[in-house]
Amino acid sequence: MGFMVQKNRGVAAIAQVIATTLRQARQRTDFVRERVEEKLGPYEPILERTAQALAEAQEVARDAQARVDYLEAVAHRTVGEVRDEVRNALGRPARHDLLDMLFPEGISTVTEAPVARAALAM
């Protein structure tokens, strides 16, 4: 007991301090145990639900990130294929003004651009 946590540390840090305080207080037999149970006990189920919701949200975020990564790879490959088709249509030159205009720094001009600018880069 006696831990302090800053309010901006996040749910996990706050929950950990409360759980530790409850666990340590339950090992005592005096008024401290009663006071801690009285003050923090009601928050225990809330913390358990919060931890569950956080775990579910993290799983959803991991799934979403995996989908973004997959779609990013598809987009990268698609832009590369378009560049290859344009180059083939031009007779596969080592350098061409049209390719330099469309892809001044290679396909990374489009694929590495921030999403808001990617459409403009095309």
Protein backbone atom coordinates (compact mmCIF):
# COMPACT_ATOMS: atom_id res chain seq x y z
CA MET A 1 0.00 0.00 0.00
CA GLY A 2 1.01 3.60 -0.24
CA PHE A 3 1.39 3.60 -4.02
CA MET A 4 0.45 6.66 -6.00
CA VAL A 5 -0.23 6.79 -9.68
CA GLN A 6 -0.62 9.84 -11.83
CA LYS A 7 -4.08 10.23 -13.29
CA ASN A 8 -2.67 10.41 -16.84
CA ARG A 9 -0.81 7.07 -16.59
CA GLY A 10 -3.65 5.07 -18.09
CA VAL A 11 -6.20 2.53 -17.01
CA ALA A 12 -3.78 -0.39 -16.72
CA ALA A 13 -1.46 1.43 -14.29
CA ILE A 14 -4.35 2.65 -12.15
CA ALA A 15 -5.92 -0.82 -12.08
CA GLN A 16 -2.60 -2.37 -11.10
CA VAL A 17 -2.17 -0.01 -8.14
CA ILE A 18 -5.73 -0.63 -6.93
CA ALA A 19 -5.35 -4.41 -7.27
CA THR A 20 -2.02 -4.34 -5.40
CA THR A 21 -3.49 -2.19 -2.64
CA LEU A 22 -6.48 -4.50 -2.25
CA ARG A 23 -4.28 -7.60 -2.21
CA GLN A 24 -1.96 -6.17 0.43
CA ALA A 25 -4.83 -4.87 2.56
CA ARG A 26 -6.54 -8.26 2.54
CA GLN A 27 -3.48 -9.74 4.21
CA ARG A 28 -4.03 -7.46 7.19
CA THR A 29 -6.54 -7.86 10.03
CA ASP A 30 -6.91 -4.28 11.23
CA PHE A 31 -8.85 -1.16 10.39
CA VAL A 32 -6.69 -0.57 7.29
CA ARG A 33 -8.19 -3.64 5.66
CA GLU A 34 -11.70 -2.42 6.46
CA ARG A 35 -11.04 1.05 5.07
CA VAL A 36 -9.39 -0.21 1.90
CA GLU A 37 -12.23 -2.68 1.29
CA GLU A 38 -14.74 0.08 1.95
CA LYS A 39 -13.10 2.58 -0.39
CA LEU A 40 -11.64 0.40 -3.16
CA GLY A 41 -13.68 -2.81 -2.98
CA PRO A 42 -16.59 -1.43 -5.02
CA TYR A 43 -14.20 -0.62 -7.86
CA GLU A 44 -12.90 -4.17 -8.23
CA PRO A 45 -15.71 -5.40 -10.55
CA ILE A 46 -15.44 -2.21 -12.57
CA LEU A 47 -11.71 -2.78 -13.02
CA GLU A 48 -12.31 -6.37 -14.11
CA ARG A 49 -14.84 -5.23 -16.72
CA THR A 50 -12.47 -2.48 -17.84
CA ALA A 51 -9.60 -4.94 -18.21
CA GLN A 52 -11.83 -7.23 -20.28
CA ALA A 53 -12.99 -4.34 -22.48
CA LEU A 54 -9.38 -3.21 -22.93
CA ALA A 55 -8.29 -6.71 -23.96
CA GLU A 56 -11.15 -6.91 -26.47
CA ALA A 57 -10.31 -3.47 -27.87
CA GLN A 58 -6.65 -4.43 -28.24
CA GLU A 59 -7.64 -7.56 -30.16
CA VAL A 60 -9.88 -5.53 -32.47
CA ALA A 61 -7.03 -3.06 -32.99
CA ARG A 62 -4.60 -5.90 -33.82
CA ASP A 63 -7.07 -7.32 -36.34
CA ALA A 64 -7.60 -3.90 -37.89
CA GLN A 65 -3.85 -3.30 -38.11
CA ALA A 66 -3.36 -6.67 -39.78
CA ARG A 67 -6.02 -5.74 -42.33
CA VAL A 68 -4.38 -2.35 -42.95
CA ASP A 69 -0.98 -4.02 -43.40
CA TYR A 70 -2.46 -6.50 -45.88
CA LEU A 71 -4.25 -3.80 -47.88
CA GLU A 72 -1.10 -1.67 -47.85
CA ALA A 73 0.85 -4.56 -49.38
CA VAL A 74 -1.85 -5.07 -52.02
CA ALA A 75 -1.81 -1.36 -52.87
CA HIS A 76 1.99 -1.33 -53.07
CA ARG A 77 1.96 -4.33 -55.42
CA THR A 78 -0.83 -2.77 -57.53
CA VAL A 79 1.05 0.50 -57.97
CA GLY A 80 4.15 -1.45 -58.95
CA GLU A 81 2.15 -3.41 -61.53
CA VAL A 82 0.71 -0.18 -62.98
CA ARG A 83 4.21 1.27 -63.26
CA ASP A 84 5.39 -1.90 -65.00
CA GLU A 85 2.47 -1.78 -67.43
CA VAL A 86 3.20 1.86 -68.28
CA ARG A 87 6.88 1.03 -68.74
CA ASN A 88 5.99 -1.95 -70.97
CA ALA A 89 3.67 0.25 -73.04
CA LEU A 90 6.57 2.66 -73.52
CA GLY A 91 8.85 -0.12 -74.76
CA ARG A 92 10.66 -0.76 -71.43
CA PRO A 93 13.07 2.19 -71.62
CA ALA A 94 15.70 2.58 -68.93
CA ARG A 95 14.42 6.11 -68.41
CA HIS A 96 11.45 7.99 -69.80
CA ASP A 97 10.08 11.47 -69.13
CA LEU A 98 6.53 10.14 -68.62
CA LEU A 99 7.72 7.64 -66.00
CA ASP A 100 9.75 10.39 -64.32
CA MET A 101 6.66 12.58 -64.23
CA LEU A 102 4.36 9.86 -62.86
CA PHE A 103 6.87 8.27 -60.49
CA PRO A 104 9.65 10.82 -59.85
CA GLU A 105 11.11 8.73 -57.03
CA GLY A 106 9.85 5.35 -58.16
CA ILE A 107 6.64 3.82 -56.84
CA SER A 108 7.44 5.14 -53.36
CA THR A 109 6.18 8.51 -54.64
CA VAL A 110 2.70 7.01 -54.31
CA THR A 111 3.08 4.14 -51.85
CA GLU A 112 5.01 6.00 -49.16
CA ALA A 113 3.00 9.23 -49.36
CA PRO A 114 0.71 10.06 -46.43
CA VAL A 115 -2.84 8.90 -47.16
CA ALA A 116 -4.12 12.46 -47.52
CA ARG A 117 -1.48 13.19 -50.17
CA ALA A 118 -1.44 9.79 -51.90
CA ALA A 119 -4.37 10.67 -54.14
CA LEU A 120 -2.65 13.91 -55.14
CA ALA A 121 0.56 12.02 -55.82
CA MET A 122 -1.28 9.87 -58.32
